[in-house]
């Protein structure tokens, strides 16, 4: 069975725009519910898809961080091209790392980094994540178990340069965090792996702004935008966004419709 690939999405609302960024081996599904929540509260949201994601797992290894960063910057420029001059950025996991990179390199109103592995995940750890994704994906396709295992064995033999690129990008972004001077919200699941739990306070301590907050979710793991506390994540995010120094009001007709 051929699985349908997730697509980028744009939800237009008011003049306040938010760039939403998904994780490694993830897709726009990571941030779709958050985007819908924000859109109902007057925000325009756009989420790009990184090349090689949402399709056969092997495709991820055919690209790498430089391609995905291009996809992120195209997403930012897509909002600009649509006429949105004021943009905030929010992302989960690797999307959280890209969020910090956007915050350091582009004009943004605010930064929301969720479960971002800025403490440099190993290449082996990244491949383990890819391998688990591949197992799930191939079984969802309905392939016989023998074929699944054969394809997983082939995956292990593929070149992993793309993962080395991710490591380098994370290391470079870690050095850029101190260039973030805009309001920053760091969100982290308490049940997430140690790497992510160590990254959250590092990000909070390193950003060069006094307007910052770190929120922990005691009953959440890694993809907090889809977890049991997601409604709290959404509410904390919109409350943060509402406090930013926007020059345009929130879209009143959207708010009135709630």
C-alpha atoms as a PDB file:
ATOM      1  CA  UNK A   1       0.000   0.000   0.000  1.00  0.00           C
ATOM      2  CA  UNK A   2       1.383   3.388  -1.012  1.00  0.00           C
ATOM      3  CA  UNK A   3       1.156   5.879   1.824  1.00  0.00           C
ATOM      4  CA  UNK A   4       0.090   9.436   1.065  1.00  0.00           C
ATOM      5  CA  UNK A   5       2.886  11.901   1.731  1.00  0.00           C
ATOM      6  CA  UNK A   6       2.059  14.770   4.126  1.00  0.00           C
ATOM      7  CA  UNK A   7       2.071  18.196   2.479  1.00  0.00           C
ATOM      8  CA  UNK A   8       3.117  21.731   3.424  1.00  0.00           C
ATOM      9  CA  UNK A   9       0.226  23.842   4.627  1.00  0.00           C
ATOM     10  CA  UNK A  10      -0.705  27.503   4.858  1.00  0.00           C
ATOM     11  CA  UNK A  11      -3.599  28.641   7.037  1.00  0.00           C
ATOM     12  CA  UNK A  12      -4.281  32.301   6.392  1.00  0.00           C
ATOM     13  CA  UNK A  13      -5.773  34.469   9.111  1.00  0.00           C
ATOM     14  CA  UNK A  14      -4.596  37.839  10.341  1.00  0.00           C
ATOM     15  CA  UNK A  15      -1.440  39.823   9.599  1.00  0.00           C
ATOM     16  CA  UNK A  16       0.454  38.116  12.417  1.00  0.00           C
ATOM     17  CA  UNK A  17       2.286  35.147  10.878  1.00  0.00           C
ATOM     18  CA  UNK A  18       3.911  32.078  12.419  1.00  0.00           C
ATOM     19  CA  UNK A  19       6.373  29.761  10.673  1.00  0.00           C
ATOM     20  CA  UNK A  20       5.897  26.206  12.024  1.00  0.00           C
ATOM     21  CA  UNK A  21       8.709  23.654  11.695  1.00  0.00           C
ATOM     22  CA  UNK A  22       8.486  19.866  12.082  1.00  0.00           C
ATOM     23  CA  UNK A  23      11.049  17.387  13.371  1.00  0.00           C
ATOM     24  CA  UNK A  24      13.564  14.911  11.954  1.00  0.00           C
ATOM     25  CA  UNK A  25      11.733  11.915  10.383  1.00  0.00           C
ATOM     26  CA  UNK A  26       8.533  13.845  11.130  1.00  0.00           C
ATOM     27  CA  UNK A  27       6.216  15.850   8.925  1.00  0.00           C
ATOM     28  CA  UNK A  28       3.833  18.783   8.987  1.00  0.00           C
ATOM     29  CA  UNK A  29       1.532  16.511  11.029  1.00  0.00           C
ATOM     30  CA  UNK A  30       3.828  17.356  13.967  1.00  0.00           C
ATOM     31  CA  UNK A  31       2.572  20.942  13.921  1.00  0.00           C
ATOM     32  CA  UNK A  32      -0.785  20.770  12.086  1.00  0.00           C
ATOM     33  CA  UNK A  33      -2.981  20.809  15.209  1.00  0.00           C
ATOM     34  CA  UNK A  34      -0.931  23.667  16.666  1.00  0.00           C
ATOM     35  CA  UNK A  35      -1.322  25.571  13.392  1.00  0.00           C
ATOM     36  CA  UNK A  36      -5.090  25.053  13.412  1.00  0.00           C
ATOM     37  CA  UNK A  37      -5.292  26.223  17.038  1.00  0.00           C
ATOM     38  CA  UNK A  38      -3.291  29.380  16.310  1.00  0.00           C
ATOM     39  CA  UNK A  39      -5.223  30.072  13.111  1.00  0.00           C
ATOM     40  CA  UNK A  40      -8.523  30.018  15.008  1.00  0.00           C
ATOM     41  CA  UNK A  41      -7.036  32.697  17.235  1.00  0.00           C
ATOM     42  CA  UNK A  42      -6.191  35.008  14.364  1.00  0.00           C
ATOM     43  CA  UNK A  43      -2.717  33.899  13.270  1.00  0.00           C
ATOM     44  CA  UNK A  44      -1.597  33.012   9.773  1.00  0.00           C
ATOM     45  CA  UNK A  45       0.476  29.807   9.880  1.00  0.00           C
ATOM     46  CA  UNK A  46       2.750  28.183   7.325  1.00  0.00           C
ATOM     47  CA  UNK A  47       4.564  24.855   7.708  1.00  0.00           C
ATOM     48  CA  UNK A  48       7.023  23.651   5.032  1.00  0.00           C
ATOM     49  CA  UNK A  49       7.913  19.983   4.448  1.00  0.00           C
ATOM     50  CA  UNK A  50      11.598  19.095   4.409  1.00  0.00           C
ATOM     51  CA  UNK A  51      12.785  17.205   1.353  1.00  0.00           C
ATOM     52  CA  UNK A  52      12.937  13.428   1.838  1.00  0.00           C
ATOM     53  CA  UNK A  53      10.466  13.501   4.740  1.00  0.00           C
ATOM     54  CA  UNK A  54       7.031  11.907   4.779  1.00  0.00           C
ATOM     55  CA  UNK A  55       8.002   9.426   2.054  1.00  0.00           C
ATOM     56  CA  UNK A  56      10.234   6.317   1.888  1.00  0.00           C
ATOM     57  CA  UNK A  57      12.700   6.554   4.817  1.00  0.00           C
ATOM     58  CA  UNK A  58      15.682   6.016   2.516  1.00  0.00           C
ATOM     59  CA  UNK A  59      14.969   9.412   0.951  1.00  0.00           C
ATOM     60  CA  UNK A  60      16.023  11.184   4.155  1.00  0.00           C
ATOM     61  CA  UNK A  61      19.593   9.957   3.635  1.00  0.00           C
ATOM     62  CA  UNK A  62      19.573  11.333   0.085  1.00  0.00           C
ATOM     63  CA  UNK A  63      19.302  14.883   1.429  1.00  0.00           C
ATOM     64  CA  UNK A  64      20.578  16.473   4.622  1.00  0.00           C
ATOM     65  CA  UNK A  65      20.578  19.563   6.803  1.00  0.00           C
ATOM     66  CA  UNK A  66      21.570  22.055   4.093  1.00  0.00           C
ATOM     67  CA  UNK A  67      18.552  21.042   1.978  1.00  0.00           C
ATOM     68  CA  UNK A  68      16.215  21.152   4.967  1.00  0.00           C
ATOM     69  CA  UNK A  69      17.524  24.574   5.970  1.00  0.00           C
ATOM     70  CA  UNK A  70      16.767  25.729   2.426  1.00  0.00           C
ATOM     71  CA  UNK A  71      13.220  24.423   2.888  1.00  0.00           C
ATOM     72  CA  UNK A  72      12.943  26.368   6.154  1.00  0.00           C
ATOM     73  CA  UNK A  73      14.202  29.611   4.608  1.00  0.00           C
ATOM     74  CA  UNK A  74      11.855  29.152   1.650  1.00  0.00           C
ATOM     75  CA  UNK A  75       9.034  28.791   4.167  1.00  0.00           C
ATOM     76  CA  UNK A  76      10.011  32.087   5.779  1.00  0.00           C
ATOM     77  CA  UNK A  77      10.209  33.786   2.384  1.00  0.00           C
ATOM     78  CA  UNK A  78       6.856  32.261   1.399  1.00  0.00           C
ATOM     79  CA  UNK A  79       5.241  34.210   4.229  1.00  0.00           C
ATOM     80  CA  UNK A  80       7.131  37.335   3.166  1.00  0.00           C
ATOM     81  CA  UNK A  81       6.006  36.879  -0.438  1.00  0.00           C
ATOM     82  CA  UNK A  82       2.401  36.597   0.750  1.00  0.00           C
ATOM     83  CA  UNK A  83       2.794  40.019   2.351  1.00  0.00           C
ATOM     84  CA  UNK A  84       3.397  39.085   5.983  1.00  0.00           C
ATOM     85  CA  UNK A  85       5.998  41.466   7.386  1.00  0.00           C
ATOM     86  CA  UNK A  86       5.845  40.292  11.004  1.00  0.00           C
ATOM     87  CA  UNK A  87       6.718  36.650  11.599  1.00  0.00           C
ATOM     88  CA  UNK A  88       7.253  34.509  14.686  1.00  0.00           C
ATOM     89  CA  UNK A  89       8.740  31.014  14.458  1.00  0.00           C
ATOM     90  CA  UNK A  90       7.963  27.813  16.380  1.00  0.00           C
ATOM     91  CA  UNK A  91       9.328  24.318  15.907  1.00  0.00           C
ATOM     92  CA  UNK A  92       9.586  20.876  17.498  1.00  0.00           C
ATOM     93  CA  UNK A  93      12.693  18.645  17.804  1.00  0.00           C
ATOM     94  CA  UNK A  94      14.960  19.320  14.795  1.00  0.00           C
ATOM     95  CA  UNK A  95      12.386  21.972  13.877  1.00  0.00           C
ATOM     96  CA  UNK A  96      13.184  23.520  17.254  1.00  0.00           C
ATOM     97  CA  UNK A  97      16.846  23.716  16.256  1.00  0.00           C
ATOM     98  CA  UNK A  98      15.865  25.326  12.952  1.00  0.00           C
ATOM     99  CA  UNK A  99      13.639  27.695  14.934  1.00  0.00           C
ATOM    100  CA  UNK A 100      16.653  28.881  16.920  1.00  0.00           C
ATOM    101  CA  UNK A 101      18.658  29.269  13.710  1.00  0.00           C
ATOM    102  CA  UNK A 102      15.869  31.368  12.167  1.00  0.00           C
ATOM    103  CA  UNK A 103      15.755  33.461  15.335  1.00  0.00           C
ATOM    104  CA  UNK A 104      19.494  34.088  15.130  1.00  0.00           C
ATOM    105  CA  UNK A 105      19.631  34.875  11.395  1.00  0.00           C
ATOM    106  CA  UNK A 106      16.283  36.436  10.404  1.00  0.00           C
ATOM    107  CA  UNK A 107      14.081  39.224  11.771  1.00  0.00           C
ATOM    108  CA  UNK A 108      11.390  37.538  13.868  1.00  0.00           C
ATOM    109  CA  UNK A 109       8.955  38.721  16.510  1.00  0.00           C
ATOM    110  CA  UNK A 110       9.486  35.744  18.768  1.00  0.00           C
ATOM    111  CA  UNK A 111      10.913  32.224  19.041  1.00  0.00           C
ATOM    112  CA  UNK A 112       9.225  29.077  20.399  1.00  0.00           C
ATOM    113  CA  UNK A 113      11.686  26.156  20.640  1.00  0.00           C
ATOM    114  CA  UNK A 114      10.102  22.837  21.613  1.00  0.00           C
ATOM    115  CA  UNK A 115      12.195  19.810  22.631  1.00  0.00           C
ATOM    116  CA  UNK A 116      15.177  21.010  20.571  1.00  0.00           C
ATOM    117  CA  UNK A 117      18.274  18.725  20.751  1.00  0.00           C
ATOM    118  CA  UNK A 118      20.824  21.533  20.825  1.00  0.00           C
ATOM    119  CA  UNK A 119      23.215  19.441  22.945  1.00  0.00           C
ATOM    120  CA  UNK A 120      24.301  17.681  19.730  1.00  0.00           C
ATOM    121  CA  UNK A 121      22.621  14.329  19.149  1.00  0.00           C
ATOM    122  CA  UNK A 122      25.086  11.690  17.917  1.00  0.00           C
ATOM    123  CA  UNK A 123      25.003  10.315  14.386  1.00  0.00           C
ATOM    124  CA  UNK A 124      24.183   6.907  15.896  1.00  0.00           C
ATOM    125  CA  UNK A 125      21.263   8.392  17.805  1.00  0.00           C
ATOM    126  CA  UNK A 126      19.936  10.016  14.645  1.00  0.00           C
ATOM    127  CA  UNK A 127      20.202   6.757  12.728  1.00  0.00           C
ATOM    128  CA  UNK A 128      18.380   4.904  15.511  1.00  0.00           C
ATOM    129  CA  UNK A 129      15.541   7.422  15.145  1.00  0.00           C
ATOM    130  CA  UNK A 130      15.525   6.897  11.361  1.00  0.00           C
ATOM    131  CA  UNK A 131      15.590   3.113  11.757  1.00  0.00           C
ATOM    132  CA  UNK A 132      12.567   3.134  14.068  1.00  0.00           C
ATOM    133  CA  UNK A 133      10.722   5.415  11.666  1.00  0.00           C
ATOM    134  CA  UNK A 134      11.566   3.065   8.789  1.00  0.00           C
ATOM    135  CA  UNK A 135      10.213   0.045  10.707  1.00  0.00           C
ATOM    136  CA  UNK A 136       6.892   1.747  11.332  1.00  0.00           C
ATOM    137  CA  UNK A 137       6.626   3.175   7.805  1.00  0.00           C
ATOM    138  CA  UNK A 138       7.373  -0.096   6.021  1.00  0.00           C
ATOM    139  CA  UNK A 139       4.910  -2.061   8.143  1.00  0.00           C
ATOM    140  CA  UNK A 140       2.223   0.530   7.517  1.00  0.00           C
ATOM    141  CA  UNK A 141       2.836  -0.057   3.813  1.00  0.00           C
ATOM    142  CA  UNK A 142       1.773  -3.670   4.436  1.00  0.00           C
ATOM    143  CA  UNK A 143       5.031  -5.238   3.289  1.00  0.00           C
ATOM    144  CA  UNK A 144       5.826  -8.849   4.318  1.00  0.00           C
ATOM    145  CA  UNK A 145       8.046  -9.053   7.405  1.00  0.00           C
ATOM    146  CA  UNK A 146      10.908 -10.635   5.443  1.00  0.00           C
ATOM    147  CA  UNK A 147      10.873  -7.743   2.959  1.00  0.00           C
ATOM    148  CA  UNK A 148      10.740  -5.205   5.803  1.00  0.00           C
ATOM    149  CA  UNK A 149      13.827  -6.747   7.401  1.00  0.00           C
ATOM    150  CA  UNK A 150      15.680  -6.912   4.072  1.00  0.00           C
ATOM    151  CA  UNK A 151      14.986  -3.223   3.415  1.00  0.00           C
ATOM    152  CA  UNK A 152      16.044  -2.312   6.963  1.00  0.00           C
ATOM    153  CA  UNK A 153      19.313  -4.195   6.424  1.00  0.00           C
ATOM    154  CA  UNK A 154      19.838  -2.231   3.199  1.00  0.00           C
ATOM    155  CA  UNK A 155      19.112   1.003   5.081  1.00  0.00           C
ATOM    156  CA  UNK A 156      21.898   0.194   7.545  1.00  0.00           C
ATOM    157  CA  UNK A 157      24.332  -0.048   4.638  1.00  0.00           C
ATOM    158  CA  UNK A 158      23.484   3.363   3.150  1.00  0.00           C
ATOM    159  CA  UNK A 159      25.829   6.338   3.367  1.00  0.00           C
ATOM    160  CA  UNK A 160      25.110   8.457   6.458  1.00  0.00           C
ATOM    161  CA  UNK A 161      26.659  11.726   5.350  1.00  0.00           C
ATOM    162  CA  UNK A 162      23.269  13.408   5.705  1.00  0.00           C
ATOM    163  CA  UNK A 163      23.318  12.619   9.421  1.00  0.00           C
ATOM    164  CA  UNK A 164      26.806  14.062   9.800  1.00  0.00           C
ATOM    165  CA  UNK A 165      25.450  17.244   8.244  1.00  0.00           C
ATOM    166  CA  UNK A 166      22.704  17.362  10.857  1.00  0.00           C
ATOM    167  CA  UNK A 167      25.292  17.067  13.632  1.00  0.00           C
ATOM    168  CA  UNK A 168      27.303  19.934  12.174  1.00  0.00           C
ATOM    169  CA  UNK A 169      24.233  22.111  11.773  1.00  0.00           C
ATOM    170  CA  UNK A 170      23.205  21.517  15.390  1.00  0.00           C
ATOM    171  CA  UNK A 171      26.722  22.388  16.589  1.00  0.00           C
ATOM    172  CA  UNK A 172      26.742  25.584  14.506  1.00  0.00           C
ATOM    173  CA  UNK A 173      23.293  26.578  15.741  1.00  0.00           C
ATOM    174  CA  UNK A 174      24.405  25.997  19.329  1.00  0.00           C
ATOM    175  CA  UNK A 175      27.034  28.698  18.776  1.00  0.00           C
ATOM    176  CA  UNK A 176      24.409  31.039  17.290  1.00  0.00           C
ATOM    177  CA  UNK A 177      21.928  30.950  20.171  1.00  0.00           C
ATOM    178  CA  UNK A 178      23.560  33.920  21.870  1.00  0.00           C
ATOM    179  CA  UNK A 179      22.660  35.972  18.785  1.00  0.00           C
ATOM    180  CA  UNK A 180      18.949  35.639  19.630  1.00  0.00           C
ATOM    181  CA  UNK A 181      17.726  38.892  21.160  1.00  0.00           C
ATOM    182  CA  UNK A 182      13.982  38.471  20.581  1.00  0.00           C
ATOM    183  CA  UNK A 183      11.493  37.067  23.125  1.00  0.00           C
ATOM    184  CA  UNK A 184      11.979  33.314  23.483  1.00  0.00           C
ATOM    185  CA  UNK A 185       9.785  30.523  24.845  1.00  0.00           C
ATOM    186  CA  UNK A 186      11.377  27.124  25.525  1.00  0.00           C
ATOM    187  CA  UNK A 187       8.993  24.170  25.950  1.00  0.00           C
ATOM    188  CA  UNK A 188      10.166  20.747  27.107  1.00  0.00           C
ATOM    189  CA  UNK A 189       8.606  17.400  28.004  1.00  0.00           C
ATOM    190  CA  UNK A 190       9.786  15.991  31.336  1.00  0.00           C
ATOM    191  CA  UNK A 191       9.535  12.405  30.031  1.00  0.00           C
ATOM    192  CA  UNK A 192      11.765  13.151  27.020  1.00  0.00           C
ATOM    193  CA  UNK A 193      15.289  11.707  26.650  1.00  0.00           C
ATOM    194  CA  UNK A 194      18.086  13.251  28.755  1.00  0.00           C
ATOM    195  CA  UNK A 195      19.617  14.962  25.716  1.00  0.00           C
ATOM    196  CA  UNK A 196      16.534  17.093  25.225  1.00  0.00           C
ATOM    197  CA  UNK A 197      16.079  17.760  28.925  1.00  0.00           C
ATOM    198  CA  UNK A 198      19.668  19.034  29.085  1.00  0.00           C
ATOM    199  CA  UNK A 199      19.162  21.156  25.980  1.00  0.00           C
ATOM    200  CA  UNK A 200      16.157  23.116  27.284  1.00  0.00           C
ATOM    201  CA  UNK A 201      17.894  24.961  30.167  1.00  0.00           C
ATOM    202  CA  UNK A 202      20.977  25.491  27.981  1.00  0.00           C
ATOM    203  CA  UNK A 203      18.837  27.287  25.391  1.00  0.00           C
ATOM    204  CA  UNK A 204      17.084  29.306  28.081  1.00  0.00           C
ATOM    205  CA  UNK A 205      20.380  30.361  29.691  1.00  0.00           C
ATOM    206  CA  UNK A 206      22.126  31.186  26.401  1.00  0.00           C
ATOM    207  CA  UNK A 207      19.626  33.343  24.486  1.00  0.00           C
ATOM    208  CA  UNK A 208      20.483  37.040  24.888  1.00  0.00           C
ATOM    209  CA  UNK A 209      17.116  38.340  25.995  1.00  0.00           C
ATOM    210  CA  UNK A 210      15.488  39.030  29.339  1.00  0.00           C
ATOM    211  CA  UNK A 211      12.091  38.231  27.823  1.00  0.00           C
ATOM    212  CA  UNK A 212      12.288  34.450  28.038  1.00  0.00           C
ATOM    213  CA  UNK A 213      10.547  31.553  29.729  1.00  0.00           C
ATOM    214  CA  UNK A 214      11.106  27.809  30.141  1.00  0.00           C
ATOM    215  CA  UNK A 215       8.036  25.617  30.671  1.00  0.00           C
ATOM    216  CA  UNK A 216       8.195  21.912  31.562  1.00  0.00           C
ATOM    217  CA  UNK A 217       5.379  19.433  30.855  1.00  0.00           C
ATOM    218  CA  UNK A 218       5.478  16.757  33.531  1.00  0.00           C
ATOM    219  CA  UNK A 219       3.495  14.106  31.641  1.00  0.00           C
ATOM    220  CA  UNK A 220       4.895  14.639  28.128  1.00  0.00           C
ATOM    221  CA  UNK A 221       7.621  12.975  26.109  1.00  0.00           C
ATOM    222  CA  UNK A 222       9.198  14.249  22.901  1.00  0.00           C
ATOM    223  CA  UNK A 223       6.589  15.381  20.365  1.00  0.00           C
ATOM    224  CA  UNK A 224       4.650  17.495  22.853  1.00  0.00           C
ATOM    225  CA  UNK A 225       2.480  18.959  20.088  1.00  0.00           C
ATOM    226  CA  UNK A 226       0.811  15.549  19.746  1.00  0.00           C
ATOM    227  CA  UNK A 227       1.041  14.354  23.357  1.00  0.00           C
ATOM    228  CA  UNK A 228      -1.476  14.222  26.192  1.00  0.00           C
ATOM    229  CA  UNK A 229      -0.634  17.797  27.276  1.00  0.00           C
ATOM    230  CA  UNK A 230      -0.855  19.259  23.777  1.00  0.00           C
ATOM    231  CA  UNK A 231      -3.735  21.596  24.640  1.00  0.00           C
ATOM    232  CA  UNK A 232      -1.595  23.148  27.383  1.00  0.00           C
ATOM    233  CA  UNK A 233       1.292  23.439  24.894  1.00  0.00           C
ATOM    234  CA  UNK A 234      -1.014  25.199  22.423  1.00  0.00           C
ATOM    235  CA  UNK A 235      -2.363  27.563  25.074  1.00  0.00           C
ATOM    236  CA  UNK A 236       1.101  28.445  26.405  1.00  0.00           C
ATOM    237  CA  UNK A 237       2.251  29.110  22.847  1.00  0.00           C
ATOM    238  CA  UNK A 238      -0.617  31.428  21.931  1.00  0.00           C
ATOM    239  CA  UNK A 239      -0.338  33.305  25.230  1.00  0.00           C
ATOM    240  CA  UNK A 240       3.338  33.910  24.489  1.00  0.00           C
ATOM    241  CA  UNK A 241       2.606  35.005  20.923  1.00  0.00           C
ATOM    242  CA  UNK A 242      -0.119  37.360  22.114  1.00  0.00           C
ATOM    243  CA  UNK A 243       2.409  39.207  24.305  1.00  0.00           C
ATOM    244  CA  UNK A 244       4.842  39.960  21.463  1.00  0.00           C
ATOM    245  CA  UNK A 245       5.345  43.465  20.123  1.00  0.00           C
ATOM    246  CA  UNK A 246       3.194  43.145  17.008  1.00  0.00           C
ATOM    247  CA  UNK A 247       2.342  46.349  15.157  1.00  0.00           C
ATOM    248  CA  UNK A 248      -0.922  44.823  13.910  1.00  0.00           C
ATOM    249  CA  UNK A 249      -3.837  43.655  16.083  1.00  0.00           C
ATOM    250  CA  UNK A 250      -4.947  40.046  16.158  1.00  0.00           C
ATOM    251  CA  UNK A 251      -7.602  39.281  13.511  1.00  0.00           C
ATOM    252  CA  UNK A 252     -10.838  40.213  15.278  1.00  0.00           C
ATOM    253  CA  UNK A 253     -13.207  38.156  13.139  1.00  0.00           C
ATOM    254  CA  UNK A 254     -11.218  35.012  13.931  1.00  0.00           C
ATOM    255  CA  UNK A 255     -11.318  35.666  17.667  1.00  0.00           C
ATOM    256  CA  UNK A 256     -15.038  36.515  17.565  1.00  0.00           C
ATOM    257  CA  UNK A 257     -15.756  33.171  15.911  1.00  0.00           C
ATOM    258  CA  UNK A 258     -14.521  31.185  18.931  1.00  0.00           C
END
